Amino acid sequence: MKVVVSSLNEEDAFSIQKELSSFLPGLGYSPCRAEPSLNDAIEFLASGTCDEVQKDFLIHTLNNDFDHDENDTEFWAYGFNTRMFNPLVYYLSMDFS
């Protein structure tokens, strides 16, 4: 999972990580870093495992309108034109392969 946060405050990112962990316990997180193509944004990666029930829950909870590839393994969404689980999330992608 890749998460881009529309803030430079790492505490905002940690808050989002905590919220993600409440949806799927056991996620591991990379250190936060400045998002290279956006001003005033940071990003982090999250990884973990989930079953089909958890996958469906994440897809329906984290965003209201994910785009996805033909095989339905990769999902992505932008917060400026969809509703994210947290208003500070600018971009979210998940790969279930």
C-alpha atoms as a PDB file:
ATOM      1  CA  MET A   1       0.000   0.000   0.000  1.00  0.00           C
ATOM      2  CA  LYS A   2       1.241   3.476  -0.840  1.00  0.00           C
ATOM      3  CA  VAL A   3      -0.213   6.452   0.990  1.00  0.00           C
ATOM      4  CA  VAL A   4       0.408  10.103   0.135  1.00  0.00           C
ATOM      5  CA  VAL A   5      -0.574  12.556   2.865  1.00  0.00           C
ATOM      6  CA  SER A   6      -1.319  16.181   2.036  1.00  0.00           C
ATOM      7  CA  SER A   7       0.735  17.450   4.959  1.00  0.00           C
ATOM      8  CA  LEU A   8       4.401  17.670   5.894  1.00  0.00           C
ATOM      9  CA  ASN A   9       3.627  16.900   9.521  1.00  0.00           C
ATOM     10  CA  GLU A  10       4.765  13.356  10.344  1.00  0.00           C
ATOM     11  CA  GLU A  11       2.276  13.279  13.218  1.00  0.00           C
ATOM     12  CA  ASP A  12      -0.499  13.428  10.605  1.00  0.00           C
ATOM     13  CA  ALA A  13       1.051  10.442   8.829  1.00  0.00           C
ATOM     14  CA  PHE A  14       1.388   8.540  12.123  1.00  0.00           C
ATOM     15  CA  SER A  15      -2.269   9.234  12.852  1.00  0.00           C
ATOM     16  CA  ILE A  16      -3.217   7.789   9.464  1.00  0.00           C
ATOM     17  CA  GLN A  17      -0.996   4.766  10.122  1.00  0.00           C
ATOM     18  CA  LYS A  18      -2.768   4.210  13.432  1.00  0.00           C
ATOM     19  CA  GLU A  19      -6.117   4.416  11.668  1.00  0.00           C
ATOM     20  CA  LEU A  20      -4.969   1.933   9.001  1.00  0.00           C
ATOM     21  CA  SER A  21      -3.760  -0.448  11.709  1.00  0.00           C
ATOM     22  CA  SER A  22      -7.223  -0.348  13.263  1.00  0.00           C
ATOM     23  CA  PHE A  23      -8.610  -1.627   9.941  1.00  0.00           C
ATOM     24  CA  LEU A  24      -5.877  -4.248   9.407  1.00  0.00           C
ATOM     25  CA  PRO A  25      -3.724  -5.050  12.437  1.00  0.00           C
ATOM     26  CA  GLY A  26      -0.162  -6.132  11.770  1.00  0.00           C
ATOM     27  CA  LEU A  27       0.676  -3.681   9.005  1.00  0.00           C
ATOM     28  CA  GLY A  28       4.323  -2.677   8.758  1.00  0.00           C
ATOM     29  CA  TYR A  29       5.247   0.862   7.702  1.00  0.00           C
ATOM     30  CA  SER A  30       8.200   2.419   5.926  1.00  0.00           C
ATOM     31  CA  PRO A  31       9.651   5.669   7.222  1.00  0.00           C
ATOM     32  CA  CYS A  32       7.862   8.786   5.982  1.00  0.00           C
ATOM     33  CA  ARG A  33       9.560  10.829   3.281  1.00  0.00           C
ATOM     34  CA  ALA A  34       8.785  13.911   1.230  1.00  0.00           C
ATOM     35  CA  GLU A  35       6.661  13.033  -1.791  1.00  0.00           C
ATOM     36  CA  PRO A  36       8.908  13.994  -4.730  1.00  0.00           C
ATOM     37  CA  SER A  37       6.244  15.209  -7.178  1.00  0.00           C
ATOM     38  CA  LEU A  38       4.043  17.231  -4.789  1.00  0.00           C
ATOM     39  CA  ASN A  39       4.651  20.260  -2.628  1.00  0.00           C
ATOM     40  CA  ASP A  40       3.746  19.944   1.046  1.00  0.00           C
ATOM     41  CA  ALA A  41       3.126  16.192   0.988  1.00  0.00           C
ATOM     42  CA  ILE A  42       4.747  13.133   2.514  1.00  0.00           C
ATOM     43  CA  GLU A  43       4.372   9.485   1.675  1.00  0.00           C
ATOM     44  CA  PHE A  44       4.853   6.089   3.269  1.00  0.00           C
ATOM     45  CA  LEU A  45       4.391   2.463   2.324  1.00  0.00           C
ATOM     46  CA  ALA A  46       2.501  -0.152   4.294  1.00  0.00           C
ATOM     47  CA  SER A  47       2.656  -3.899   3.881  1.00  0.00           C
ATOM     48  CA  GLY A  48       0.916  -6.879   5.369  1.00  0.00           C
ATOM     49  CA  THR A  49      -1.266  -9.825   4.541  1.00  0.00           C
ATOM     50  CA  CYS A  50      -5.013 -10.154   4.422  1.00  0.00           C
ATOM     51  CA  ASP A  51      -7.659 -12.658   3.461  1.00  0.00           C
ATOM     52  CA  GLU A  52     -10.511 -12.088   0.982  1.00  0.00           C
ATOM     53  CA  VAL A  53     -12.877 -10.772   3.666  1.00  0.00           C
ATOM     54  CA  GLN A  54     -10.290  -8.218   4.844  1.00  0.00           C
ATOM     55  CA  LYS A  55      -9.518  -7.281   1.225  1.00  0.00           C
ATOM     56  CA  ASP A  56     -13.194  -6.560   0.526  1.00  0.00           C
ATOM     57  CA  PHE A  57     -13.448  -4.591   3.776  1.00  0.00           C
ATOM     58  CA  LEU A  58     -10.426  -2.419   2.863  1.00  0.00           C
ATOM     59  CA  ILE A  59     -11.709  -1.776  -0.656  1.00  0.00           C
ATOM     60  CA  HIS A  60     -15.090  -0.654   0.640  1.00  0.00           C
ATOM     61  CA  THR A  61     -13.800   1.268   3.681  1.00  0.00           C
ATOM     62  CA  LEU A  62     -10.702   3.182   2.575  1.00  0.00           C
ATOM     63  CA  ASN A  63     -12.251   4.912  -0.454  1.00  0.00           C
ATOM     64  CA  ASN A  64     -15.672   5.212  -2.026  1.00  0.00           C
ATOM     65  CA  ASP A  65     -14.558   4.856  -5.670  1.00  0.00           C
ATOM     66  CA  PHE A  66     -11.310   2.974  -6.311  1.00  0.00           C
ATOM     67  CA  ASP A  67     -10.020   2.498  -9.826  1.00  0.00           C
ATOM     68  CA  HIS A  68      -8.552  -0.945 -10.479  1.00  0.00           C
ATOM     69  CA  ASP A  69      -6.789  -2.982 -13.115  1.00  0.00           C
ATOM     70  CA  GLU A  70      -8.325  -5.791 -15.136  1.00  0.00           C
ATOM     71  CA  ASN A  71      -7.214  -8.484 -12.710  1.00  0.00           C
ATOM     72  CA  ASP A  72      -8.551  -6.596  -9.677  1.00  0.00           C
ATOM     73  CA  THR A  73      -5.223  -6.918  -7.851  1.00  0.00           C
ATOM     74  CA  GLU A  74      -4.259  -3.235  -7.833  1.00  0.00           C
ATOM     75  CA  PHE A  75      -6.562  -0.464  -6.604  1.00  0.00           C
ATOM     76  CA  TRP A  76      -5.854   3.281  -6.512  1.00  0.00           C
ATOM     77  CA  ALA A  77      -7.678   6.520  -5.779  1.00  0.00           C
ATOM     78  CA  TYR A  78      -7.088  10.254  -5.402  1.00  0.00           C
ATOM     79  CA  GLY A  79      -8.656  12.160  -2.547  1.00  0.00           C
ATOM     80  CA  PHE A  80      -9.387  15.295  -4.556  1.00  0.00           C
ATOM     81  CA  ASN A  81     -12.159  13.561  -6.506  1.00  0.00           C
ATOM     82  CA  THR A  82     -13.242  10.736  -4.165  1.00  0.00           C
ATOM     83  CA  ARG A  83     -13.935  10.306  -0.455  1.00  0.00           C
ATOM     84  CA  MET A  84     -11.023   8.831   1.473  1.00  0.00           C
ATOM     85  CA  PHE A  85     -11.206   7.268   4.936  1.00  0.00           C
ATOM     86  CA  ASN A  86      -9.179  10.260   6.149  1.00  0.00           C
ATOM     87  CA  PRO A  87      -9.392  13.719   4.536  1.00  0.00           C
ATOM     88  CA  LEU A  88      -5.588  14.166   4.682  1.00  0.00           C
ATOM     89  CA  VAL A  89      -5.010  11.217   2.342  1.00  0.00           C
ATOM     90  CA  TYR A  90      -4.257  12.639  -1.096  1.00  0.00           C
ATOM     91  CA  TYR A  91      -3.501   9.325  -2.845  1.00  0.00           C
ATOM     92  CA  LEU A  92      -3.852   5.676  -1.908  1.00  0.00           C
ATOM     93  CA  SER A  93      -2.899   2.551  -3.836  1.00  0.00           C
ATOM     94  CA  MET A  94      -3.146  -1.086  -2.806  1.00  0.00           C
ATOM     95  CA  ASP A  95      -1.793  -4.168  -4.536  1.00  0.00           C
ATOM     96  CA  PHE A  96      -3.250  -7.502  -3.448  1.00  0.00           C
ATOM     97  CA  SER A  97      -1.024  -9.735  -5.567  1.00  0.00           C
END
